[in-house]
Amino acid sequence: MKNIPKKENEIAQRIRARRERLREQAKVFHRDFNKQLLVFLTGAFSFMAALVWNTAIQEIITNYKTEIFYYLPLKESYYVDILFAFVVTVIAVVAIIIISRILKTD
């Protein structure tokens, strides 16, 4: 009869340990979930901002197309698109480098 309370105590200890591990795993999951949600939302808002900038820059190009064609050696319209893509890429790379240096944590 003395072994029964001892076994019940061991079982209770294992249950408490298991609950504690589950609580810790839930905390880790919750933290990782929030981190990934933040990354997702940041990416979504960045994408929306990029679309708005794309529209604005395309409007500028449309409004000044004749002036842009005047300075380009070739007069096909896809050259304007290539020039636009190149300029935006250079600006994006420079901005990413600057932001990375500012936010760098060593």
N, C-alpha and C. Protein backbone atom coordinates (compact mmCIF):
# COMPACT_ATOMS: atom_id res chain seq x y z
N MET A 1 0.81 -1.20 0.00
CA MET A 1 0.00 0.00 0.00
C MET A 1 0.85 1.26 0.00
N LYS A 2 2.04 1.20 0.56
CA LYS A 2 2.88 2.38 0.61
C LYS A 2 3.39 2.76 -0.78
N ASN A 3 3.47 1.82 -1.69
CA ASN A 3 3.95 2.09 -3.04
C ASN A 3 2.95 2.89 -3.88
N ILE A 4 1.68 2.79 -3.58
CA ILE A 4 0.66 3.47 -4.38
C ILE A 4 0.79 4.98 -4.27
N PRO A 5 0.88 5.58 -3.08
CA PRO A 5 1.06 7.04 -3.02
C PRO A 5 2.37 7.48 -3.69
N LYS A 6 3.40 6.67 -3.57
CA LYS A 6 4.67 7.02 -4.18
C LYS A 6 4.53 7.06 -5.70
N LYS A 7 3.86 6.07 -6.27
CA LYS A 7 3.64 6.04 -7.72
C LYS A 7 2.74 7.20 -8.15
N GLU A 8 1.71 7.50 -7.36
CA GLU A 8 0.85 8.63 -7.69
C GLU A 8 1.64 9.93 -7.67
N ASN A 9 2.56 10.05 -6.72
CA ASN A 9 3.41 11.24 -6.62
C ASN A 9 4.32 11.34 -7.85
N GLU A 10 4.89 10.23 -8.28
CA GLU A 10 5.75 10.22 -9.47
C GLU A 10 4.95 10.60 -10.71
N ILE A 11 3.75 10.05 -10.81
CA ILE A 11 2.89 10.37 -11.96
C ILE A 11 2.54 11.86 -11.95
N ALA A 12 2.21 12.39 -10.79
CA ALA A 12 1.87 13.81 -10.67
C ALA A 12 3.06 14.68 -11.04
N GLN A 13 4.25 14.28 -10.64
CA GLN A 13 5.45 15.04 -10.99
C GLN A 13 5.69 15.02 -12.50
N ARG A 14 5.51 13.86 -13.12
CA ARG A 14 5.68 13.76 -14.57
C ARG A 14 4.64 14.62 -15.31
N ILE A 15 3.42 14.63 -14.79
CA ILE A 15 2.37 15.45 -15.41
C ILE A 15 2.72 16.93 -15.29
N ARG A 16 3.18 17.35 -14.10
CA ARG A 16 3.58 18.75 -13.91
C ARG A 16 4.75 19.12 -14.83
N ALA A 17 5.72 18.22 -14.95
CA ALA A 17 6.87 18.48 -15.84
C ALA A 17 6.41 18.60 -17.29
N ARG A 18 5.50 17.72 -17.68
CA ARG A 18 4.97 17.74 -19.05
C ARG A 18 4.20 19.04 -19.31
N ARG A 19 3.39 19.45 -18.33
CA ARG A 19 2.66 20.71 -18.47
C ARG A 19 3.61 21.89 -18.61
N GLU A 20 4.66 21.88 -17.83
CA GLU A 20 5.65 22.97 -17.89
C GLU A 20 6.33 23.00 -19.26
N ARG A 21 6.69 21.83 -19.79
CA ARG A 21 7.30 21.78 -21.13
C ARG A 21 6.32 22.29 -22.18
N LEU A 22 5.06 21.90 -22.06
CA LEU A 22 4.04 22.37 -23.01
C LEU A 22 3.85 23.88 -22.92
N ARG A 23 3.85 24.42 -21.71
CA ARG A 23 3.74 25.88 -21.55
C ARG A 23 4.92 26.59 -22.20
N GLU A 24 6.11 26.05 -22.01
CA GLU A 24 7.31 26.65 -22.61
C GLU A 24 7.26 26.57 -24.14
N GLN A 25 6.81 25.43 -24.65
CA GLN A 25 6.68 25.29 -26.10
C GLN A 25 5.63 26.25 -26.65
N ALA A 26 4.55 26.45 -25.90
CA ALA A 26 3.50 27.38 -26.33
C ALA A 26 4.04 28.81 -26.35
N LYS A 27 4.85 29.17 -25.36
CA LYS A 27 5.45 30.50 -25.33
C LYS A 27 6.38 30.71 -26.53
N VAL A 28 7.20 29.71 -26.83
CA VAL A 28 8.11 29.79 -27.97
C VAL A 28 7.32 29.90 -29.27
N PHE A 29 6.27 29.09 -29.40
CA PHE A 29 5.43 29.15 -30.60
C PHE A 29 4.80 30.53 -30.74
N HIS A 30 4.26 31.06 -29.66
CA HIS A 30 3.61 32.36 -29.66
C HIS A 30 4.60 33.46 -30.08
N ARG A 31 5.80 33.42 -29.54
CA ARG A 31 6.83 34.40 -29.87
C ARG A 31 7.23 34.28 -31.35
N ASP A 32 7.45 33.06 -31.83
CA ASP A 32 7.82 32.85 -33.24
C ASP A 32 6.68 33.25 -34.18
N PHE A 33 5.45 32.94 -33.78
CA PHE A 33 4.29 33.31 -34.60
C PHE A 33 4.20 34.83 -34.74
N ASN A 34 4.34 35.54 -33.62
CA ASN A 34 4.28 37.00 -33.66
C ASN A 34 5.40 37.59 -34.51
N LYS A 35 6.58 36.99 -34.41
CA LYS A 35 7.72 37.46 -35.20
C LYS A 35 7.45 37.28 -36.69
N GLN A 36 6.94 36.12 -37.07
CA GLN A 36 6.65 35.87 -38.48
C GLN A 36 5.49 36.73 -38.98
N LEU A 37 4.52 36.96 -38.13
CA LEU A 37 3.40 37.83 -38.49
C LEU A 37 3.89 39.25 -38.75
N LEU A 38 4.81 39.73 -37.92
CA LEU A 38 5.38 41.05 -38.12
C LEU A 38 6.13 41.13 -39.45
N VAL A 39 6.90 40.10 -39.76
CA VAL A 39 7.62 40.06 -41.04
C VAL A 39 6.63 40.07 -42.20
N PHE A 40 5.58 39.28 -42.10
CA PHE A 40 4.57 39.22 -43.15
C PHE A 40 3.89 40.57 -43.35
N LEU A 41 3.46 41.19 -42.27
CA LEU A 41 2.77 42.47 -42.37
C LEU A 41 3.69 43.56 -42.91
N THR A 42 4.95 43.56 -42.48
CA THR A 42 5.92 44.52 -42.99
C THR A 42 6.10 44.34 -44.50
N GLY A 43 6.21 43.10 -44.93
CA GLY A 43 6.34 42.83 -46.36
C GLY A 43 5.10 43.26 -47.14
N ALA A 44 3.93 43.03 -46.57
CA ALA A 44 2.69 43.41 -47.25
C ALA A 44 2.59 44.92 -47.41
N PHE A 45 2.91 45.66 -46.35
CA PHE A 45 2.87 47.12 -46.45
C PHE A 45 3.96 47.65 -47.38
N SER A 46 5.11 47.01 -47.38
CA SER A 46 6.18 47.41 -48.31
C SER A 46 5.74 47.19 -49.75
N PHE A 47 5.08 46.07 -50.00
CA PHE A 47 4.59 45.79 -51.34
C PHE A 47 3.55 46.83 -51.77
N MET A 48 2.66 47.18 -50.87
CA MET A 48 1.65 48.20 -51.18
C MET A 48 2.32 49.54 -51.50
N ALA A 49 3.31 49.91 -50.71
CA ALA A 49 4.02 51.16 -50.96
C ALA A 49 4.74 51.11 -52.31
N ALA A 50 5.33 49.97 -52.63
CA ALA A 50 6.01 49.83 -53.91
C ALA A 50 5.03 49.98 -55.07
N LEU A 51 3.84 49.43 -54.94
CA LEU A 51 2.84 49.58 -56.00
C LEU A 51 2.44 51.04 -56.19
N VAL A 52 2.29 51.75 -55.09
CA VAL A 52 1.92 53.16 -55.19
C VAL A 52 3.05 53.96 -55.85
N TRP A 53 4.29 53.71 -55.43
CA TRP A 53 5.42 54.39 -56.05
C TRP A 53 5.52 54.04 -57.53
N ASN A 54 5.27 52.78 -57.86
CA ASN A 54 5.32 52.36 -59.27
C ASN A 54 4.32 53.16 -60.10
N THR A 55 3.11 53.30 -59.58
CA THR A 55 2.09 54.06 -60.30
C THR A 55 2.50 55.52 -60.44
N ALA A 56 3.02 56.10 -59.37
CA ALA A 56 3.42 57.51 -59.41
C ALA A 56 4.55 57.73 -60.42
N ILE A 57 5.53 56.87 -60.41
CA ILE A 57 6.66 57.03 -61.33
C ILE A 57 6.22 56.80 -62.77
N GLN A 58 5.33 55.85 -62.99
CA GLN A 58 4.82 55.63 -64.34
C GLN A 58 4.05 56.85 -64.84
N GLU A 59 3.32 57.50 -63.96
CA GLU A 59 2.62 58.73 -64.35
C GLU A 59 3.61 59.82 -64.74
N ILE A 60 4.69 59.95 -63.98
CA ILE A 60 5.71 60.94 -64.31
C ILE A 60 6.32 60.63 -65.67
N ILE A 61 6.64 59.37 -65.89
CA ILE A 61 7.22 58.98 -67.18
C ILE A 61 6.23 59.24 -68.31
N THR A 62 4.96 58.94 -68.09
CA THR A 62 3.95 59.19 -69.12
C THR A 62 3.85 60.68 -69.44
N ASN A 63 3.88 61.50 -68.41
CA ASN A 63 3.76 62.95 -68.61
C ASN A 63 4.98 63.54 -69.30
N TYR A 64 6.14 62.99 -69.06
CA TYR A 64 7.37 63.54 -69.62
C TYR A 64 7.98 62.64 -70.69
N LYS A 65 7.16 61.83 -71.31
CA LYS A 65 7.65 60.85 -72.27
C LYS A 65 8.35 61.52 -73.46
N THR A 66 7.82 62.60 -73.94
CA THR A 66 8.44 63.25 -75.10
C THR A 66 9.82 63.80 -74.74
N GLU A 67 9.94 64.36 -73.54
CA GLU A 67 11.25 64.87 -73.12
C GLU A 67 12.25 63.73 -72.92
N ILE A 68 11.77 62.62 -72.35
CA ILE A 68 12.64 61.47 -72.14
C ILE A 68 13.08 60.90 -73.48
N PHE A 69 12.16 60.78 -74.43
CA PHE A 69 12.53 60.27 -75.76
C PHE A 69 13.54 61.17 -76.45
N TYR A 70 13.45 62.45 -76.19
CA TYR A 70 14.38 63.38 -76.83
C TYR A 70 15.82 63.10 -76.42
N TYR A 71 16.04 62.71 -75.15
CA TYR A 71 17.40 62.48 -74.66
C TYR A 71 17.89 61.06 -74.88
N LEU A 72 17.01 60.13 -75.20
CA LEU A 72 17.44 58.75 -75.44
C LEU A 72 17.92 58.59 -76.87
N PRO A 73 19.01 57.83 -77.04
CA PRO A 73 19.50 57.64 -78.41
C PRO A 73 18.57 56.78 -79.25
N LEU A 74 17.86 55.85 -78.64
CA LEU A 74 16.93 54.99 -79.36
C LEU A 74 15.51 55.37 -78.98
N LYS A 75 14.61 55.32 -79.92
CA LYS A 75 13.28 55.88 -79.71
C LYS A 75 12.19 54.85 -79.41
N GLU A 76 12.53 53.59 -79.19
CA GLU A 76 11.51 52.60 -78.85
C GLU A 76 11.05 52.78 -77.41
N SER A 77 9.78 52.52 -77.15
CA SER A 77 9.22 52.79 -75.82
C SER A 77 9.75 51.83 -74.75
N TYR A 78 10.16 50.63 -75.14
CA TYR A 78 10.64 49.71 -74.12
C TYR A 78 11.98 50.15 -73.54
N TYR A 79 12.71 51.03 -74.23
CA TYR A 79 13.94 51.57 -73.65
C TYR A 79 13.63 52.44 -72.44
N VAL A 80 12.52 53.12 -72.48
CA VAL A 80 12.10 53.91 -71.32
C VAL A 80 11.82 52.98 -70.15
N ASP A 81 11.18 51.85 -70.41
CA ASP A 81 10.91 50.88 -69.35
C ASP A 81 12.20 50.31 -68.77
N ILE A 82 13.16 50.02 -69.63
CA ILE A 82 14.45 49.51 -69.17
C ILE A 82 15.17 50.57 -68.33
N LEU A 83 15.16 51.81 -68.81
CA LEU A 83 15.79 52.89 -68.05
C LEU A 83 15.10 53.08 -66.71
N PHE A 84 13.78 53.03 -66.70
CA PHE A 84 12.99 53.14 -65.47
C PHE A 84 13.37 52.03 -64.49
N ALA A 85 13.42 50.79 -64.97
CA ALA A 85 13.77 49.66 -64.11
C ALA A 85 15.19 49.81 -63.55
N PHE A 86 16.10 50.26 -64.38
CA PHE A 86 17.49 50.43 -63.93
C PHE A 86 17.59 51.51 -62.84
N VAL A 87 16.95 52.65 -63.07
CA VAL A 87 17.01 53.73 -62.09
C VAL A 87 16.38 53.31 -60.77
N VAL A 88 15.23 52.67 -60.83
CA VAL A 88 14.56 52.23 -59.60
C VAL A 88 15.41 51.19 -58.87
N THR A 89 16.05 50.29 -59.61
CA THR A 89 16.91 49.28 -58.99
C THR A 89 18.09 49.93 -58.28
N VAL A 90 18.71 50.89 -58.92
CA VAL A 90 19.85 51.58 -58.29
C VAL A 90 19.40 52.29 -57.02
N ILE A 91 18.28 52.98 -57.09
CA ILE A 91 17.77 53.68 -55.91
C ILE A 91 17.45 52.69 -54.79
N ALA A 92 16.84 51.57 -55.13
CA ALA A 92 16.48 50.55 -54.13
C ALA A 92 17.72 49.96 -53.47
N VAL A 93 18.74 49.65 -54.26
CA VAL A 93 19.96 49.07 -53.71
C VAL A 93 20.64 50.06 -52.78
N VAL A 94 20.74 51.31 -53.18
CA VAL A 94 21.36 52.33 -52.33
C VAL A 94 20.57 52.49 -51.04
N ALA A 95 19.25 52.52 -51.14
CA ALA A 95 18.42 52.66 -49.94
C ALA A 95 18.58 51.47 -49.00
N ILE A 96 18.64 50.27 -49.56
CA ILE A 96 18.82 49.08 -48.73
C ILE A 96 20.17 49.10 -48.02
N ILE A 97 21.21 49.52 -48.73
CA ILE A 97 22.55 49.60 -48.11
C ILE A 97 22.54 50.61 -46.97
N ILE A 98 21.96 51.77 -47.20
CA ILE A 98 21.93 52.81 -46.17
C ILE A 98 21.12 52.34 -44.96
N ILE A 99 19.95 51.77 -45.20
CA ILE A 99 19.12 51.30 -44.09
C ILE A 99 19.81 50.17 -43.33
N SER A 100 20.48 49.27 -44.05
CA SER A 100 21.20 48.18 -43.38
C SER A 100 22.30 48.70 -42.49
N ARG A 101 23.01 49.72 -42.94
CA ARG A 101 24.08 50.31 -42.11
C ARG A 101 23.52 51.01 -40.89
N ILE A 102 22.40 51.68 -41.07
CA ILE A 102 21.78 52.39 -39.94
C ILE A 102 21.28 51.40 -38.89
N LEU A 103 20.66 50.32 -39.34
CA LEU A 103 20.05 49.36 -38.42
C LEU A 103 21.00 48.24 -37.97
N LYS A 104 22.24 48.30 -38.44
CA LYS A 104 23.19 47.23 -38.10
C LYS A 104 23.45 47.23 -36.60
N THR A 105 23.31 46.04 -36.02
CA THR A 105 23.56 45.88 -34.59
C THR A 105 24.66 44.86 -34.40
N ASP A 106 25.79 45.32 -33.94
CA ASP A 106 26.93 44.42 -33.69
C ASP A 106 27.08 44.15 -32.21
